[in-house]
Amino acid sequence: MSEKSFATSLSCIDGRVQLPMINWIKEKYLVDYVDTITAPGIDKVISDNDVQSIKKSVMISVSNHKSSHIVISGHFGCAGNPVSDEEHFAQIKKSVEVVNSWNLNVDVIGVWIDENFVPNLL
């Protein structure tokens, strides 16, 4: 039996974004499973470097599941981080920098989930 592949999604708790994000990641990166780590307005949380519990979860995903990609997303209409789309874009890009600084040797990607709940690579 071949080993199953994983990626990791760092996304908002908003239930509207979970399936679109998981499906997008599985299709784009051809992985079998997506570990999902959530927090309200996660792009702001990470960009503000408030990452202790998030980092612990990411380390488990990368170490134990050999996750090959980490996808950080923000989304339209976020109640946990009610800022402009442009501010979300900046926070997502900063979050990618923060997670890259952990030197996990995986691809870290930023994604914006638009008003139609369609993920778009930043």
N, C-alpha and C. Protein backbone atom coordinates (compact mmCIF):
# COMPACT_ATOMS: atom_id res chain seq x y z
N MET A 1 0.84 -1.18 0.00
CA MET A 1 0.00 0.00 0.00
C MET A 1 0.89 1.24 0.00
N SER A 2 0.64 2.15 -0.91
CA SER A 2 1.47 3.35 -1.00
C SER A 2 1.08 4.35 0.08
N GLU A 3 2.08 5.15 0.47
CA GLU A 3 1.86 6.17 1.50
C GLU A 3 0.98 7.28 0.95
N LYS A 4 0.03 7.73 1.73
CA LYS A 4 -0.88 8.80 1.33
C LYS A 4 -0.20 10.15 1.50
N SER A 5 -0.53 11.10 0.63
CA SER A 5 0.08 12.42 0.68
C SER A 5 -0.83 13.43 1.35
N PHE A 6 -0.21 14.44 1.95
CA PHE A 6 -0.93 15.47 2.69
C PHE A 6 -0.47 16.86 2.28
N ALA A 7 -1.36 17.81 2.48
CA ALA A 7 -1.04 19.23 2.49
C ALA A 7 -1.73 19.79 3.73
N THR A 8 -1.44 21.05 4.05
CA THR A 8 -2.01 21.67 5.24
C THR A 8 -2.69 22.97 4.86
N SER A 9 -3.90 23.16 5.35
CA SER A 9 -4.65 24.40 5.12
C SER A 9 -4.72 25.18 6.43
N LEU A 10 -4.26 26.42 6.41
CA LEU A 10 -4.43 27.35 7.53
C LEU A 10 -5.53 28.30 7.09
N SER A 11 -6.72 28.15 7.67
CA SER A 11 -7.86 28.91 7.18
C SER A 11 -8.72 29.41 8.33
N CYS A 12 -9.63 30.28 7.99
CA CYS A 12 -10.59 30.81 8.95
C CYS A 12 -11.51 29.70 9.43
N ILE A 13 -12.13 29.90 10.59
CA ILE A 13 -13.09 28.93 11.10
C ILE A 13 -14.38 28.90 10.30
N ASP A 14 -14.61 29.90 9.47
CA ASP A 14 -15.86 30.04 8.72
C ASP A 14 -16.12 28.78 7.88
N GLY A 15 -17.22 28.12 8.18
CA GLY A 15 -17.55 26.87 7.51
C GLY A 15 -17.74 26.98 6.01
N ARG A 16 -17.99 28.20 5.51
CA ARG A 16 -18.18 28.38 4.07
C ARG A 16 -16.90 28.19 3.28
N VAL A 17 -15.75 28.30 3.94
CA VAL A 17 -14.48 28.23 3.20
C VAL A 17 -13.83 26.85 3.25
N GLN A 18 -14.27 25.99 4.15
CA GLN A 18 -13.57 24.72 4.37
C GLN A 18 -13.55 23.82 3.13
N LEU A 19 -14.73 23.45 2.62
CA LEU A 19 -14.75 22.54 1.47
C LEU A 19 -14.13 23.16 0.21
N PRO A 20 -14.43 24.43 -0.12
CA PRO A 20 -13.76 25.00 -1.30
C PRO A 20 -12.24 24.97 -1.18
N MET A 21 -11.72 25.24 0.03
CA MET A 21 -10.27 25.26 0.23
C MET A 21 -9.70 23.85 0.13
N ILE A 22 -10.33 22.89 0.78
CA ILE A 22 -9.85 21.51 0.74
C ILE A 22 -9.88 20.97 -0.69
N ASN A 23 -10.97 21.18 -1.39
CA ASN A 23 -11.07 20.69 -2.77
C ASN A 23 -10.04 21.34 -3.67
N TRP A 24 -9.81 22.65 -3.52
CA TRP A 24 -8.84 23.37 -4.33
C TRP A 24 -7.43 22.83 -4.09
N ILE A 25 -7.09 22.63 -2.81
CA ILE A 25 -5.75 22.13 -2.47
C ILE A 25 -5.55 20.72 -3.03
N LYS A 26 -6.54 19.85 -2.85
CA LYS A 26 -6.41 18.47 -3.34
C LYS A 26 -6.23 18.44 -4.86
N GLU A 27 -6.99 19.28 -5.56
CA GLU A 27 -6.89 19.32 -7.01
C GLU A 27 -5.58 19.94 -7.48
N LYS A 28 -5.18 21.05 -6.88
CA LYS A 28 -3.99 21.77 -7.33
C LYS A 28 -2.70 21.02 -7.02
N TYR A 29 -2.64 20.40 -5.84
CA TYR A 29 -1.38 19.78 -5.40
C TYR A 29 -1.42 18.25 -5.43
N LEU A 30 -2.53 17.69 -5.90
CA LEU A 30 -2.67 16.24 -6.08
C LEU A 30 -2.31 15.48 -4.80
N VAL A 31 -2.88 15.92 -3.68
CA VAL A 31 -2.68 15.23 -2.42
C VAL A 31 -3.93 14.46 -2.05
N ASP A 32 -3.76 13.46 -1.20
CA ASP A 32 -4.88 12.62 -0.77
C ASP A 32 -5.70 13.27 0.35
N TYR A 33 -5.01 13.95 1.26
CA TYR A 33 -5.66 14.52 2.43
C TYR A 33 -5.18 15.94 2.69
N VAL A 34 -6.03 16.71 3.38
CA VAL A 34 -5.67 18.08 3.76
C VAL A 34 -5.90 18.23 5.26
N ASP A 35 -4.81 18.44 6.00
CA ASP A 35 -4.93 18.78 7.41
C ASP A 35 -5.42 20.22 7.48
N THR A 36 -6.39 20.49 8.33
CA THR A 36 -6.98 21.82 8.42
C THR A 36 -6.77 22.40 9.81
N ILE A 37 -6.11 23.54 9.85
CA ILE A 37 -5.86 24.27 11.10
C ILE A 37 -6.61 25.59 10.97
N THR A 38 -7.49 25.87 11.94
CA THR A 38 -8.34 27.05 11.81
C THR A 38 -8.22 27.98 13.01
N ALA A 39 -8.51 29.24 12.74
CA ALA A 39 -8.66 30.28 13.76
C ALA A 39 -9.49 31.38 13.12
N PRO A 40 -10.26 32.11 13.91
CA PRO A 40 -11.01 33.24 13.33
C PRO A 40 -10.02 34.27 12.77
N GLY A 41 -10.20 34.63 11.49
CA GLY A 41 -9.31 35.63 10.88
C GLY A 41 -7.85 35.20 10.92
N ILE A 42 -7.59 33.97 10.52
CA ILE A 42 -6.24 33.39 10.68
C ILE A 42 -5.16 34.19 9.95
N ASP A 43 -5.51 34.87 8.85
CA ASP A 43 -4.50 35.67 8.16
C ASP A 43 -3.99 36.79 9.06
N LYS A 44 -4.87 37.42 9.84
CA LYS A 44 -4.45 38.45 10.79
C LYS A 44 -3.66 37.84 11.93
N VAL A 45 -4.13 36.72 12.45
CA VAL A 45 -3.45 36.06 13.57
C VAL A 45 -2.00 35.77 13.22
N ILE A 46 -1.78 35.17 12.06
CA ILE A 46 -0.41 34.81 11.66
C ILE A 46 0.40 36.05 11.32
N SER A 47 -0.19 36.98 10.59
CA SER A 47 0.58 38.17 10.20
C SER A 47 0.98 38.99 11.41
N ASP A 48 0.19 38.91 12.50
CA ASP A 48 0.56 39.58 13.76
C ASP A 48 1.53 38.74 14.58
N ASN A 49 1.92 37.58 14.08
CA ASN A 49 2.89 36.67 14.70
C ASN A 49 2.39 36.08 16.02
N ASP A 50 1.07 35.91 16.15
CA ASP A 50 0.45 35.29 17.32
C ASP A 50 0.26 33.81 17.00
N VAL A 51 1.38 33.08 16.95
CA VAL A 51 1.37 31.79 16.27
C VAL A 51 1.69 30.56 17.11
N GLN A 52 1.81 30.68 18.39
CA GLN A 52 2.27 29.55 19.19
C GLN A 52 1.46 28.28 18.96
N SER A 53 0.14 28.33 19.12
CA SER A 53 -0.66 27.11 18.95
C SER A 53 -0.75 26.70 17.49
N ILE A 54 -0.80 27.67 16.59
CA ILE A 54 -0.85 27.36 15.16
C ILE A 54 0.44 26.67 14.73
N LYS A 55 1.57 27.20 15.17
CA LYS A 55 2.86 26.61 14.79
C LYS A 55 2.96 25.17 15.30
N LYS A 56 2.49 24.90 16.51
CA LYS A 56 2.52 23.54 17.05
C LYS A 56 1.72 22.59 16.15
N SER A 57 0.54 23.04 15.73
CA SER A 57 -0.30 22.21 14.85
C SER A 57 0.37 21.98 13.50
N VAL A 58 0.97 23.03 12.93
CA VAL A 58 1.66 22.90 11.65
C VAL A 58 2.82 21.92 11.77
N MET A 59 3.56 21.99 12.88
CA MET A 59 4.70 21.10 13.07
C MET A 59 4.24 19.63 13.09
N ILE A 60 3.10 19.36 13.72
CA ILE A 60 2.56 17.99 13.75
C ILE A 60 2.21 17.54 12.33
N SER A 61 1.57 18.42 11.57
CA SER A 61 1.16 18.09 10.21
C SER A 61 2.38 17.80 9.33
N VAL A 62 3.40 18.65 9.43
CA VAL A 62 4.59 18.49 8.59
C VAL A 62 5.41 17.28 9.06
N SER A 63 5.60 17.14 10.36
CA SER A 63 6.44 16.05 10.89
C SER A 63 5.77 14.69 10.76
N ASN A 64 4.52 14.59 11.17
CA ASN A 64 3.86 13.28 11.21
C ASN A 64 3.22 12.88 9.90
N HIS A 65 2.64 13.85 9.19
CA HIS A 65 1.94 13.53 7.94
C HIS A 65 2.77 13.86 6.70
N LYS A 66 3.94 14.43 6.90
CA LYS A 66 4.83 14.79 5.78
C LYS A 66 4.14 15.71 4.79
N SER A 67 3.41 16.68 5.31
CA SER A 67 2.71 17.66 4.48
C SER A 67 3.69 18.33 3.53
N SER A 68 3.33 18.44 2.27
CA SER A 68 4.22 19.01 1.26
C SER A 68 3.94 20.48 0.98
N HIS A 69 2.73 20.94 1.32
CA HIS A 69 2.33 22.32 1.06
C HIS A 69 1.57 22.85 2.27
N ILE A 70 1.77 24.12 2.53
CA ILE A 70 0.98 24.82 3.54
C ILE A 70 0.29 25.97 2.82
N VAL A 71 -1.03 25.99 2.88
CA VAL A 71 -1.81 27.01 2.18
C VAL A 71 -2.49 27.89 3.23
N ILE A 72 -2.16 29.18 3.20
CA ILE A 72 -2.73 30.15 4.14
C ILE A 72 -3.76 30.97 3.38
N SER A 73 -4.98 31.01 3.93
CA SER A 73 -6.03 31.72 3.21
C SER A 73 -6.71 32.77 4.07
N GLY A 74 -7.26 33.73 3.37
CA GLY A 74 -8.17 34.71 3.94
C GLY A 74 -9.38 34.73 3.02
N HIS A 75 -10.49 35.30 3.52
CA HIS A 75 -11.68 35.24 2.67
C HIS A 75 -12.55 36.48 2.79
N PHE A 76 -13.33 36.67 1.76
CA PHE A 76 -14.32 37.73 1.67
C PHE A 76 -15.34 37.55 2.81
N GLY A 77 -15.74 38.66 3.42
CA GLY A 77 -16.79 38.63 4.43
C GLY A 77 -16.38 37.99 5.74
N CYS A 78 -15.11 38.08 6.10
CA CYS A 78 -14.62 37.44 7.32
C CYS A 78 -15.08 38.21 8.56
N ALA A 79 -15.85 37.55 9.42
CA ALA A 79 -16.32 38.17 10.65
C ALA A 79 -15.20 38.30 11.68
N GLY A 80 -14.24 37.39 11.65
CA GLY A 80 -13.14 37.42 12.60
C GLY A 80 -12.07 38.44 12.27
N ASN A 81 -12.08 38.95 11.06
CA ASN A 81 -11.09 39.92 10.60
C ASN A 81 -11.76 40.82 9.56
N PRO A 82 -12.66 41.72 10.02
CA PRO A 82 -13.45 42.54 9.09
C PRO A 82 -12.68 43.74 8.55
N VAL A 83 -11.74 43.46 7.63
CA VAL A 83 -10.94 44.52 7.01
C VAL A 83 -11.14 44.47 5.50
N SER A 84 -10.57 45.44 4.80
CA SER A 84 -10.70 45.48 3.34
C SER A 84 -10.00 44.29 2.69
N ASP A 85 -10.40 43.99 1.46
CA ASP A 85 -9.74 42.93 0.71
C ASP A 85 -8.24 43.20 0.64
N GLU A 86 -7.86 44.45 0.39
CA GLU A 86 -6.45 44.80 0.26
C GLU A 86 -5.68 44.51 1.54
N GLU A 87 -6.30 44.79 2.69
CA GLU A 87 -5.66 44.49 3.97
C GLU A 87 -5.50 42.98 4.15
N HIS A 88 -6.52 42.22 3.75
CA HIS A 88 -6.40 40.76 3.78
C HIS A 88 -5.23 40.31 2.91
N PHE A 89 -5.12 40.85 1.69
CA PHE A 89 -4.03 40.45 0.79
C PHE A 89 -2.68 40.67 1.47
N ALA A 90 -2.52 41.84 2.11
CA ALA A 90 -1.26 42.16 2.79
C ALA A 90 -1.02 41.20 3.95
N GLN A 91 -2.07 40.89 4.70
CA GLN A 91 -1.93 39.97 5.83
C GLN A 91 -1.60 38.55 5.37
N ILE A 92 -2.21 38.12 4.29
CA ILE A 92 -1.91 36.78 3.76
C ILE A 92 -0.45 36.71 3.32
N LYS A 93 0.01 37.73 2.60
CA LYS A 93 1.40 37.74 2.14
C LYS A 93 2.36 37.77 3.32
N LYS A 94 2.06 38.56 4.36
CA LYS A 94 2.88 38.60 5.56
C LYS A 94 2.86 37.25 6.26
N SER A 95 1.70 36.60 6.30
CA SER A 95 1.58 35.28 6.93
C SER A 95 2.45 34.25 6.22
N VAL A 96 2.50 34.31 4.89
CA VAL A 96 3.37 33.41 4.13
C VAL A 96 4.83 33.64 4.55
N GLU A 97 5.23 34.90 4.71
CA GLU A 97 6.59 35.21 5.16
C GLU A 97 6.86 34.63 6.54
N VAL A 98 5.90 34.80 7.46
CA VAL A 98 6.06 34.28 8.82
C VAL A 98 6.25 32.77 8.81
N VAL A 99 5.37 32.06 8.11
CA VAL A 99 5.46 30.59 8.09
C VAL A 99 6.73 30.14 7.35
N ASN A 100 7.12 30.85 6.30
CA ASN A 100 8.38 30.52 5.62
C ASN A 100 9.57 30.66 6.56
N SER A 101 9.48 31.59 7.51
CA SER A 101 10.59 31.81 8.44
C SER A 101 10.78 30.64 9.40
N TRP A 102 9.83 29.72 9.45
CA TRP A 102 9.96 28.53 10.30
C TRP A 102 10.85 27.47 9.68
N ASN A 103 11.27 27.68 8.43
CA ASN A 103 12.21 26.79 7.75
C ASN A 103 11.75 25.32 7.77
N LEU A 104 10.54 25.09 7.29
CA LEU A 104 9.96 23.75 7.30
C LEU A 104 10.28 22.94 6.05
N ASN A 105 10.90 23.57 5.07
CA ASN A 105 11.25 22.90 3.82
C ASN A 105 10.01 22.37 3.09
N VAL A 106 8.95 23.19 3.08
CA VAL A 106 7.73 22.90 2.33
C VAL A 106 7.32 24.16 1.59
N ASP A 107 6.48 24.01 0.58
CA ASP A 107 5.96 25.17 -0.14
C ASP A 107 4.88 25.83 0.71
N VAL A 108 4.98 27.16 0.85
CA VAL A 108 3.97 27.93 1.59
C VAL A 108 3.31 28.87 0.60
N ILE A 109 1.98 28.80 0.52
CA ILE A 109 1.22 29.50 -0.51
C ILE A 109 0.14 30.35 0.13
N GLY A 110 -0.11 31.53 -0.43
CA GLY A 110 -1.20 32.38 0.02
C GLY A 110 -2.36 32.35 -0.96
N VAL A 111 -3.58 32.29 -0.42
CA VAL A 111 -4.79 32.17 -1.24
C VAL A 111 -5.85 33.13 -0.71
N TRP A 112 -6.56 33.77 -1.63
CA TRP A 112 -7.72 34.61 -1.30
C TRP A 112 -8.97 33.88 -1.77
N ILE A 113 -9.96 33.75 -0.87
CA ILE A 113 -11.23 33.12 -1.21
C ILE A 113 -12.24 34.25 -1.43
N ASP A 114 -12.70 34.38 -2.67
CA ASP A 114 -13.51 35.54 -3.05
C ASP A 114 -14.97 35.41 -2.60
N GLU A 115 -15.78 36.40 -3.00
CA GLU A 115 -17.19 36.46 -2.60
C GLU A 115 -18.02 35.29 -3.11
N ASN A 116 -17.51 34.56 -4.10
CA ASN A 116 -18.18 33.36 -4.61
C ASN A 116 -17.60 32.09 -3.99
N PHE A 117 -16.73 32.26 -3.00
CA PHE A 117 -16.03 31.17 -2.32
C PHE A 117 -15.19 30.35 -3.26
N VAL A 118 -14.53 31.06 -4.18
CA VAL A 118 -13.59 30.46 -5.11
C VAL A 118 -12.18 30.85 -4.66
N PRO A 119 -11.30 29.88 -4.36
CA PRO A 119 -9.93 30.19 -3.98
C PRO A 119 -9.13 30.71 -5.17
N ASN A 120 -8.32 31.74 -4.91
CA ASN A 120 -7.46 32.34 -5.93
C ASN A 120 -6.06 32.50 -5.36
N LEU A 121 -5.07 32.01 -6.09
CA LEU A 121 -3.68 32.11 -5.68
C LEU A 121 -3.27 33.58 -5.63
N LEU A 122 -2.57 33.96 -4.57
CA LEU A 122 -2.06 35.35 -4.50
C LEU A 122 -0.62 35.39 -4.99
